[in-house]
C-alpha atoms as a PDB file:
ATOM      1  CA  UNK A   1       0.000   0.000   0.000  1.00  0.00           C
ATOM      2  CA  UNK A   2       2.747   2.417   1.011  1.00  0.00           C
ATOM      3  CA  UNK A   3       4.790   1.470  -2.045  1.00  0.00           C
ATOM      4  CA  UNK A   4       1.915   2.317  -4.389  1.00  0.00           C
ATOM      5  CA  UNK A   5       1.495   5.697  -2.714  1.00  0.00           C
ATOM      6  CA  UNK A   6       5.203   6.469  -2.948  1.00  0.00           C
ATOM      7  CA  UNK A   7       5.223   5.401  -6.585  1.00  0.00           C
ATOM      8  CA  UNK A   8       2.280   7.635  -7.499  1.00  0.00           C
ATOM      9  CA  UNK A   9       3.917  10.573  -5.709  1.00  0.00           C
ATOM     10  CA  UNK A  10       7.162   9.908  -7.602  1.00  0.00           C
ATOM     11  CA  UNK A  11       5.282   9.722 -10.918  1.00  0.00           C
ATOM     12  CA  UNK A  12       3.530  13.031 -10.199  1.00  0.00           C
ATOM     13  CA  UNK A  13       6.835  14.674  -9.278  1.00  0.00           C
ATOM     14  CA  UNK A  14       8.477  13.300 -12.411  1.00  0.00           C
ATOM     15  CA  UNK A  15       5.643  14.550 -14.617  1.00  0.00           C
ATOM     16  CA  UNK A  16       5.743  18.051 -13.126  1.00  0.00           C
ATOM     17  CA  UNK A  17       9.529  18.024 -13.387  1.00  0.00           C
ATOM     18  CA  UNK A  18       9.379  17.123 -17.077  1.00  0.00           C
ATOM     19  CA  UNK A  19       6.746  19.801 -17.697  1.00  0.00           C
ATOM     20  CA  UNK A  20       8.923  22.364 -15.904  1.00  0.00           C
ATOM     21  CA  UNK A  21      11.957  21.336 -17.973  1.00  0.00           C
ATOM     22  CA  UNK A  22       9.962  21.597 -21.194  1.00  0.00           C
ATOM     23  CA  UNK A  23       8.706  25.036 -20.148  1.00  0.00           C
ATOM     24  CA  UNK A  24      12.228  26.292 -19.404  1.00  0.00           C
ATOM     25  CA  UNK A  25      14.006  24.593 -22.311  1.00  0.00           C
ATOM     26  CA  UNK A  26      13.150  27.151 -25.058  1.00  0.00           C
ATOM     27  CA  UNK A  27      14.404  30.001 -22.865  1.00  0.00           C
ATOM     28  CA  UNK A  28      17.640  28.133 -22.124  1.00  0.00           C
ATOM     29  CA  UNK A  29      18.175  27.352 -25.814  1.00  0.00           C
ATOM     30  CA  UNK A  30      17.536  30.973 -26.796  1.00  0.00           C
ATOM     31  CA  UNK A  31      19.854  32.217 -24.050  1.00  0.00           C
ATOM     32  CA  UNK A  32      22.579  29.818 -25.160  1.00  0.00           C
ATOM     33  CA  UNK A  33      22.085  30.788 -28.799  1.00  0.00           C
ATOM     34  CA  UNK A  34      22.516  34.486 -27.946  1.00  0.00           C
ATOM     35  CA  UNK A  35      25.821  33.730 -26.216  1.00  0.00           C
ATOM     36  CA  UNK A  36      27.158  31.275 -28.803  1.00  0.00           C
ATOM     37  CA  UNK A  37      25.901  32.968 -31.994  1.00  0.00           C
ATOM     38  CA  UNK A  38      28.248  36.013 -31.953  1.00  0.00           C
ATOM     39  CA  UNK A  39      31.293  33.808 -31.290  1.00  0.00           C
ATOM     40  CA  UNK A  40      30.419  31.112 -33.816  1.00  0.00           C
ATOM     41  CA  UNK A  41      29.110  33.553 -36.433  1.00  0.00           C
ATOM     42  CA  UNK A  42      25.889  31.568 -36.597  1.00  0.00           C
ATOM     43  CA  UNK A  43      22.884  33.583 -37.735  1.00  0.00           C
ATOM     44  CA  UNK A  44      19.558  32.535 -36.238  1.00  0.00           C
ATOM     45  CA  UNK A  45      16.501  33.828 -38.092  1.00  0.00           C
ATOM     46  CA  UNK A  46      13.988  35.587 -35.874  1.00  0.00           C
END
């Protein structure tokens, strides 16, 4: 019984963690691109 509860809590935490990562990912990629682009002479279209 306790194991099932712990598992469901872990699944919920994992899901919310993945959603949070997916929400933050575009901002991180854009931030990284802004730093790397001038050095690497890579042009990203807006």
